[in-house]
Structures are given as structure tokens and as C-alpha cells.
Amino acid sequence: MTTKPGTQFGIKRRAYMMIKAAFAENGIKMAVPTVHVESGGETAAAAHQATQTLKKSKAPLEAVGDTP
């Protein structure tokens, strides 16, 4: 299908609305983007300890791959 410049966005939006309506009619739910953030535990404690150690030593961080 060929469209005039700028009209493809309206066509795409309408197509997505039609797909969403068809899914809703058939009981299909769209996925909702989520982010899982783990808190606490050993990983958080280790990260905190490393941060505190760096602050005390004031050592500069080395970039990955900077070895001669």
C-alpha cells in the first residue's frame, strides 16, 4: 500500500485501534510494560559496600577496556 507523505501515521493509528478492538472482543488483553526492580538482598548490600569503599579510598573508576 502506498500513502501520501504524512498519512501513514493516521492509517497506522486506525489499524492499531482496529486490532485493539478485535482483541478486546475476543478477550485478549494487551501487555502492559513493567519494570521489575529488586530491592534489598545480598546484591544491594554488596553494591552499597563497594560504593562506600570507593568513597573512602577516593580511587578513580577505571573504564572497561582501558588496559594498555
PDB file of N, CA and C in Angstrom:
ATOM      1  N   MET A   1       0.841  -1.173   0.000  1.00  0.00           N
ATOM      2  CA  MET A   1       0.000   0.000   0.000  1.00  0.00           C
ATOM      3  C   MET A   1       0.886   1.236   0.000  1.00  0.00           C
ATOM      4  N   THR A   2       0.591   2.180  -0.846  1.00  0.00           N
ATOM      5  CA  THR A   2       1.347   3.416  -0.936  1.00  0.00           C
ATOM      6  C   THR A   2       0.502   4.547  -0.363  1.00  0.00           C
ATOM      7  N   THR A   3       1.115   5.395   0.433  1.00  0.00           N
ATOM      8  CA  THR A   3       0.389   6.514   1.042  1.00  0.00           C
ATOM      9  C   THR A   3       1.072   7.820   0.693  1.00  0.00           C
ATOM     10  N   LYS A   4       0.338   8.903   0.866  1.00  0.00           N
ATOM     11  CA  LYS A   4       0.916  10.227   0.688  1.00  0.00           C
ATOM     12  C   LYS A   4       1.750  10.538   1.928  1.00  0.00           C
ATOM     13  N   PRO A   5       2.762  11.384   1.804  1.00  0.00           N
ATOM     14  CA  PRO A   5       3.589  11.713   2.958  1.00  0.00           C
ATOM     15  C   PRO A   5       2.744  12.228   4.126  1.00  0.00           C
ATOM     16  N   GLY A   6       2.972  11.643   5.290  1.00  0.00           N
ATOM     17  CA  GLY A   6       2.279  12.059   6.500  1.00  0.00           C
ATOM     18  C   GLY A   6       0.999  11.299   6.787  1.00  0.00           C
ATOM     19  N   THR A   7       0.389  10.680   5.779  1.00  0.00           N
ATOM     20  CA  THR A   7      -0.880   9.980   6.016  1.00  0.00           C
ATOM     21  C   THR A   7      -0.672   8.590   6.587  1.00  0.00           C
ATOM     22  N   GLN A   8       0.545   8.065   6.509  1.00  0.00           N
ATOM     23  CA  GLN A   8       0.787   6.714   7.024  1.00  0.00           C
ATOM     24  C   GLN A   8       0.568   6.637   8.528  1.00  0.00           C
ATOM     25  N   PHE A   9       0.757   7.756   9.223  1.00  0.00           N
ATOM     26  CA  PHE A   9       0.588   7.749  10.674  1.00  0.00           C
ATOM     27  C   PHE A   9      -0.877   7.568  11.062  1.00  0.00           C
ATOM     28  N   GLY A  10      -1.766   8.236  10.351  1.00  0.00           N
ATOM     29  CA  GLY A  10      -3.197   8.079  10.610  1.00  0.00           C
ATOM     30  C   GLY A  10      -3.678   6.678  10.279  1.00  0.00           C
ATOM     31  N   ILE A  11      -3.171   6.117   9.189  1.00  0.00           N
ATOM     32  CA  ILE A  11      -3.535   4.755   8.798  1.00  0.00           C
ATOM     33  C   ILE A  11      -3.050   3.763   9.843  1.00  0.00           C
ATOM     34  N   LYS A  12      -1.821   3.949  10.307  1.00  0.00           N
ATOM     35  CA  LYS A  12      -1.253   3.060  11.323  1.00  0.00           C
ATOM     36  C   LYS A  12      -2.054   3.149  12.623  1.00  0.00           C
ATOM     37  N   ARG A  13      -2.410   4.366  13.030  1.00  0.00           N
ATOM     38  CA  ARG A  13      -3.176   4.566  14.259  1.00  0.00           C
ATOM     39  C   ARG A  13      -4.530   3.867  14.158  1.00  0.00           C
ATOM     40  N   ARG A  14      -5.203   4.022  13.000  1.00  0.00           N
ATOM     41  CA  ARG A  14      -6.513   3.379  12.810  1.00  0.00           C
ATOM     42  C   ARG A  14      -6.368   1.858  12.811  1.00  0.00           C
ATOM     43  N   ALA A  15      -5.319   1.339  12.176  1.00  0.00           N
ATOM     44  CA  ALA A  15      -5.097  -0.112  12.152  1.00  0.00           C
ATOM     45  C   ALA A  15      -4.884  -0.645  13.566  1.00  0.00           C
ATOM     46  N   TYR A  16      -4.102   0.062  14.371  1.00  0.00           N
ATOM     47  CA  TYR A  16      -3.877  -0.367  15.754  1.00  0.00           C
ATOM     48  C   TYR A  16      -5.170  -0.333  16.567  1.00  0.00           C
ATOM     49  N   MET A  17      -6.005   0.679  16.331  1.00  0.00           N
ATOM     50  CA  MET A  17      -7.280   0.755  17.037  1.00  0.00           C
ATOM     51  C   MET A  17      -8.174  -0.419  16.652  1.00  0.00           C
ATOM     52  N   MET A  18      -8.169  -0.796  15.368  1.00  0.00           N
ATOM     53  CA  MET A  18      -8.981  -1.926  14.910  1.00  0.00           C
ATOM     54  C   MET A  18      -8.471  -3.232  15.515  1.00  0.00           C
ATOM     55  N   ILE A  19      -7.160  -3.384  15.574  1.00  0.00           N
ATOM     56  CA  ILE A  19      -6.568  -4.592  16.165  1.00  0.00           C
ATOM     57  C   ILE A  19      -6.901  -4.661  17.651  1.00  0.00           C
ATOM     58  N   LYS A  20      -6.766  -3.529  18.345  1.00  0.00           N
ATOM     59  CA  LYS A  20      -7.065  -3.495  19.775  1.00  0.00           C
ATOM     60  C   LYS A  20      -8.532  -3.835  20.032  1.00  0.00           C
ATOM     61  N   ALA A  21      -9.437  -3.317  19.202  1.00  0.00           N
ATOM     62  CA  ALA A  21     -10.863  -3.612  19.355  1.00  0.00           C
ATOM     63  C   ALA A  21     -11.136  -5.094  19.118  1.00  0.00           C
ATOM     64  N   ALA A  22     -10.494  -5.679  18.093  1.00  0.00           N
ATOM     65  CA  ALA A  22     -10.683  -7.105  17.805  1.00  0.00           C
ATOM     66  C   ALA A  22     -10.165  -7.954  18.959  1.00  0.00           C
ATOM     67  N   PHE A  23      -9.042  -7.568  19.525  1.00  0.00           N
ATOM     68  CA  PHE A  23      -8.504  -8.296  20.676  1.00  0.00           C
ATOM     69  C   PHE A  23      -9.475  -8.209  21.854  1.00  0.00           C
ATOM     70  N   ALA A  24      -9.998  -7.014  22.125  1.00  0.00           N
ATOM     71  CA  ALA A  24     -10.919  -6.824  23.251  1.00  0.00           C
ATOM     72  C   ALA A  24     -12.179  -7.671  23.069  1.00  0.00           C
ATOM     73  N   GLU A  25     -12.683  -7.761  21.844  1.00  0.00           N
ATOM     74  CA  GLU A  25     -13.873  -8.570  21.568  1.00  0.00           C
ATOM     75  C   GLU A  25     -13.631 -10.045  21.857  1.00  0.00           C
ATOM     76  N   ASN A  26     -12.390 -10.488  21.689  1.00  0.00           N
ATOM     77  CA  ASN A  26     -12.044 -11.895  21.892  1.00  0.00           C
ATOM     78  C   ASN A  26     -11.402 -12.155  23.251  1.00  0.00           C
ATOM     79  N   GLY A  27     -11.420 -11.146  24.130  1.00  0.00           N
ATOM     80  CA  GLY A  27     -10.908 -11.333  25.484  1.00  0.00           C
ATOM     81  C   GLY A  27      -9.394 -11.380  25.586  1.00  0.00           C
ATOM     82  N   ILE A  28      -8.713 -10.823  24.603  1.00  0.00           N
ATOM     83  CA  ILE A  28      -7.247 -10.805  24.621  1.00  0.00           C
ATOM     84  C   ILE A  28      -6.798  -9.455  25.168  1.00  0.00           C
ATOM     85  N   LYS A  29      -6.002  -9.479  26.223  1.00  0.00           N
ATOM     86  CA  LYS A  29      -5.514  -8.247  26.830  1.00  0.00           C
ATOM     87  C   LYS A  29      -4.127  -7.925  26.293  1.00  0.00           C
ATOM     88  N   MET A  30      -3.886  -6.649  26.069  1.00  0.00           N
ATOM     89  CA  MET A  30      -2.580  -6.194  25.606  1.00  0.00           C
ATOM     90  C   MET A  30      -1.608  -6.188  26.790  1.00  0.00           C
ATOM     91  N   ALA A  31      -0.362  -6.453  26.506  1.00  0.00           N
ATOM     92  CA  ALA A  31       0.667  -6.444  27.544  1.00  0.00           C
ATOM     93  C   ALA A  31       0.913  -5.014  28.010  1.00  0.00           C
ATOM     94  N   VAL A  32       1.193  -4.873  29.286  1.00  0.00           N
ATOM     95  CA  VAL A  32       1.498  -3.575  29.871  1.00  0.00           C
ATOM     96  C   VAL A  32       2.979  -3.579  30.224  1.00  0.00           C
ATOM     97  N   PRO A  33       3.736  -2.600  29.723  1.00  0.00           N
ATOM     98  CA  PRO A  33       5.162  -2.577  30.044  1.00  0.00           C
ATOM     99  C   PRO A  33       5.389  -2.347  31.537  1.00  0.00           C
ATOM    100  N   THR A  34       6.244  -3.172  32.117  1.00  0.00           N
ATOM    101  CA  THR A  34       6.570  -3.045  33.532  1.00  0.00           C
ATOM    102  C   THR A  34       8.076  -3.163  33.715  1.00  0.00           C
ATOM    103  N   VAL A  35       8.538  -2.643  34.821  1.00  0.00           N
ATOM    104  CA  VAL A  35       9.950  -2.738  35.172  1.00  0.00           C
ATOM    105  C   VAL A  35      10.026  -3.378  36.547  1.00  0.00           C
ATOM    106  N   HIS A  36      10.813  -4.427  36.665  1.00  0.00           N
ATOM    107  CA  HIS A  36      10.988  -5.106  37.946  1.00  0.00           C
ATOM    108  C   HIS A  36      12.298  -4.634  38.556  1.00  0.00           C
ATOM    109  N   VAL A  37      12.205  -4.029  39.721  1.00  0.00           N
ATOM    110  CA  VAL A  37      13.386  -3.549  40.426  1.00  0.00           C
ATOM    111  C   VAL A  37      13.502  -4.344  41.711  1.00  0.00           C
ATOM    112  N   GLU A  38      14.606  -5.070  41.833  1.00  0.00           N
ATOM    113  CA  GLU A  38      14.828  -5.872  43.033  1.00  0.00           C
ATOM    114  C   GLU A  38      15.447  -4.984  44.098  1.00  0.00           C
ATOM    115  N   SER A  39      14.921  -5.057  45.284  1.00  0.00           N
ATOM    116  CA  SER A  39      15.484  -4.260  46.367  1.00  0.00           C
ATOM    117  C   SER A  39      15.896  -5.173  47.506  1.00  0.00           C
ATOM    118  N   GLY A  40      16.875  -4.708  48.245  1.00  0.00           N
ATOM    119  CA  GLY A  40      17.367  -5.489  49.372  1.00  0.00           C
ATOM    120  C   GLY A  40      18.205  -6.656  48.909  1.00  0.00           C
ATOM    121  N   GLY A  41      18.499  -7.541  49.830  1.00  0.00           N
ATOM    122  CA  GLY A  41      19.242  -8.743  49.497  1.00  0.00           C
ATOM    123  C   GLY A  41      20.736  -8.529  49.438  1.00  0.00           C
ATOM    124  N   GLU A  42      21.441  -9.588  49.094  1.00  0.00           N
ATOM    125  CA  GLU A  42      22.903  -9.569  49.073  1.00  0.00           C
ATOM    126  C   GLU A  42      23.455  -8.652  47.992  1.00  0.00           C
ATOM    127  N   THR A  43      22.801  -8.583  46.840  1.00  0.00           N
ATOM    128  CA  THR A  43      23.298  -7.749  45.754  1.00  0.00           C
ATOM    129  C   THR A  43      23.310  -6.285  46.161  1.00  0.00           C
ATOM    130  N   ALA A  44      22.242  -5.822  46.776  1.00  0.00           N
ATOM    131  CA  ALA A  44      22.167  -4.434  47.211  1.00  0.00           C
ATOM    132  C   ALA A  44      23.209  -4.146  48.284  1.00  0.00           C
ATOM    133  N   ALA A  45      23.405  -5.087  49.196  1.00  0.00           N
ATOM    134  CA  ALA A  45      24.396  -4.902  50.258  1.00  0.00           C
ATOM    135  C   ALA A  45      25.803  -4.837  49.675  1.00  0.00           C
ATOM    136  N   ALA A  46      26.088  -5.690  48.702  1.00  0.00           N
ATOM    137  CA  ALA A  46      27.409  -5.687  48.067  1.00  0.00           C
ATOM    138  C   ALA A  46      27.639  -4.389  47.302  1.00  0.00           C
ATOM    139  N   ALA A  47      26.618  -3.896  46.618  1.00  0.00           N
ATOM    140  CA  ALA A  47      26.747  -2.636  45.884  1.00  0.00           C
ATOM    141  C   ALA A  47      26.976  -1.479  46.847  1.00  0.00           C
ATOM    142  N   HIS A  48      26.266  -1.477  47.958  1.00  0.00           N
ATOM    143  CA  HIS A  48      26.442  -0.426  48.958  1.00  0.00           C
ATOM    144  C   HIS A  48      27.857  -0.459  49.532  1.00  0.00           C
ATOM    145  N   GLN A  49      28.345  -1.650  49.841  1.00  0.00           N
ATOM    146  CA  GLN A  49      29.692  -1.789  50.393  1.00  0.00           C
ATOM    147  C   GLN A  49      30.738  -1.303  49.396  1.00  0.00           C
ATOM    148  N   ALA A  50      30.573  -1.647  48.125  1.00  0.00           N
ATOM    149  CA  ALA A  50      31.522  -1.210  47.095  1.00  0.00           C
ATOM    150  C   ALA A  50      31.506   0.308  46.959  1.00  0.00           C
ATOM    151  N   THR A  51      30.331   0.907  47.028  1.00  0.00           N
ATOM    152  CA  THR A  51      30.219   2.359  46.943  1.00  0.00           C
ATOM    153  C   THR A  51      30.914   3.024  48.118  1.00  0.00           C
ATOM    154  N   GLN A  52      30.706   2.496  49.307  1.00  0.00           N
ATOM    155  CA  GLN A  52      31.338   3.064  50.496  1.00  0.00           C
ATOM    156  C   GLN A  52      32.856   2.935  50.428  1.00  0.00           C
ATOM    157  N   THR A  53      33.340   1.801  49.946  1.00  0.00           N
ATOM    158  CA  THR A  53      34.785   1.587  49.820  1.00  0.00           C
ATOM    159  C   THR A  53      35.390   2.585  48.847  1.00  0.00           C
ATOM    160  N   LEU A  54      34.713   2.817  47.715  1.00  0.00           N
ATOM    161  CA  LEU A  54      35.212   3.778  46.732  1.00  0.00           C
ATOM    162  C   LEU A  54      35.211   5.191  47.291  1.00  0.00           C
ATOM    163  N   LYS A  55      34.199   5.542  48.049  1.00  0.00           N
ATOM    164  CA  LYS A  55      34.142   6.880  48.632  1.00  0.00           C
ATOM    165  C   LYS A  55      35.285   7.097  49.610  1.00  0.00           C
ATOM    166  N   LYS A  56      35.595   6.074  50.403  1.00  0.00           N
ATOM    167  CA  LYS A  56      36.668   6.189  51.393  1.00  0.00           C
ATOM    168  C   LYS A  56      38.030   6.286  50.730  1.00  0.00           C
ATOM    169  N   SER A  57      38.258   5.484  49.697  1.00  0.00           N
ATOM    170  CA  SER A  57      39.571   5.472  49.054  1.00  0.00           C
ATOM    171  C   SER A  57      39.711   6.588  48.031  1.00  0.00           C
ATOM    172  N   LYS A  58      38.570   7.140  47.587  1.00  0.00           N
ATOM    173  CA  LYS A  58      38.555   8.178  46.556  1.00  0.00           C
ATOM    174  C   LYS A  58      39.335   7.740  45.328  1.00  0.00           C
ATOM    175  N   ALA A  59      39.324   6.449  45.053  1.00  0.00           N
ATOM    176  CA  ALA A  59      40.017   5.909  43.886  1.00  0.00           C
ATOM    177  C   ALA A  59      39.183   6.182  42.643  1.00  0.00           C
ATOM    178  N   PRO A  60      39.839   6.617  41.567  1.00  0.00           N
ATOM    179  CA  PRO A  60      39.089   6.836  40.325  1.00  0.00           C
ATOM    180  C   PRO A  60      38.630   5.502  39.738  1.00  0.00           C
ATOM    181  N   LEU A  61      37.462   5.523  39.134  1.00  0.00           N
ATOM    182  CA  LEU A  61      36.949   4.320  38.492  1.00  0.00           C
ATOM    183  C   LEU A  61      37.658   4.120  37.161  1.00  0.00           C
ATOM    184  N   GLU A  62      38.006   2.884  36.852  1.00  0.00           N
ATOM    185  CA  GLU A  62      38.634   2.576  35.574  1.00  0.00           C
ATOM    186  C   GLU A  62      37.558   2.160  34.592  1.00  0.00           C
ATOM    187  N   ALA A  63      37.647   2.685  33.385  1.00  0.00           N
ATOM    188  CA  ALA A  63      36.686   2.314  32.348  1.00  0.00           C
ATOM    189  C   ALA A  63      37.012   0.920  31.845  1.00  0.00           C
ATOM    190  N   VAL A  64      35.981   0.198  31.472  1.00  0.00           N
ATOM    191  CA  VAL A  64      36.173  -1.147  30.942  1.00  0.00           C
ATOM    192  C   VAL A  64      36.885  -1.042  29.607  1.00  0.00           C
ATOM    193  N   GLY A  65      37.924  -1.811  29.431  1.00  0.00           N
ATOM    194  CA  GLY A  65      38.657  -1.829  28.165  1.00  0.00           C
ATOM    195  C   GLY A  65      39.764  -0.803  28.077  1.00  0.00           C
ATOM    196  N   ASP A  66      40.118  -0.138  29.176  1.00  0.00           N
ATOM    197  CA  ASP A  66      41.178   0.867  29.155  1.00  0.00           C
ATOM    198  C   ASP A  66      42.559   0.293  29.443  1.00  0.00           C
ATOM    199  N   THR A  67      42.699  -1.016  29.457  1.00  0.00           N
ATOM    200  CA  THR A  67      44.007  -1.593  29.745  1.00  0.00           C
ATOM    201  C   THR A  67      44.903  -1.443  28.533  1.00  0.00           C
ATOM    202  N   PRO A  68      46.188  -1.115  28.750  1.00  0.00           N
ATOM    203  CA  PRO A  68      47.103  -0.911  27.610  1.00  0.00           C
ATOM    204  C   PRO A  68      47.462  -2.196  26.916  1.00  0.00           C
TER     205      PRO A  68
END
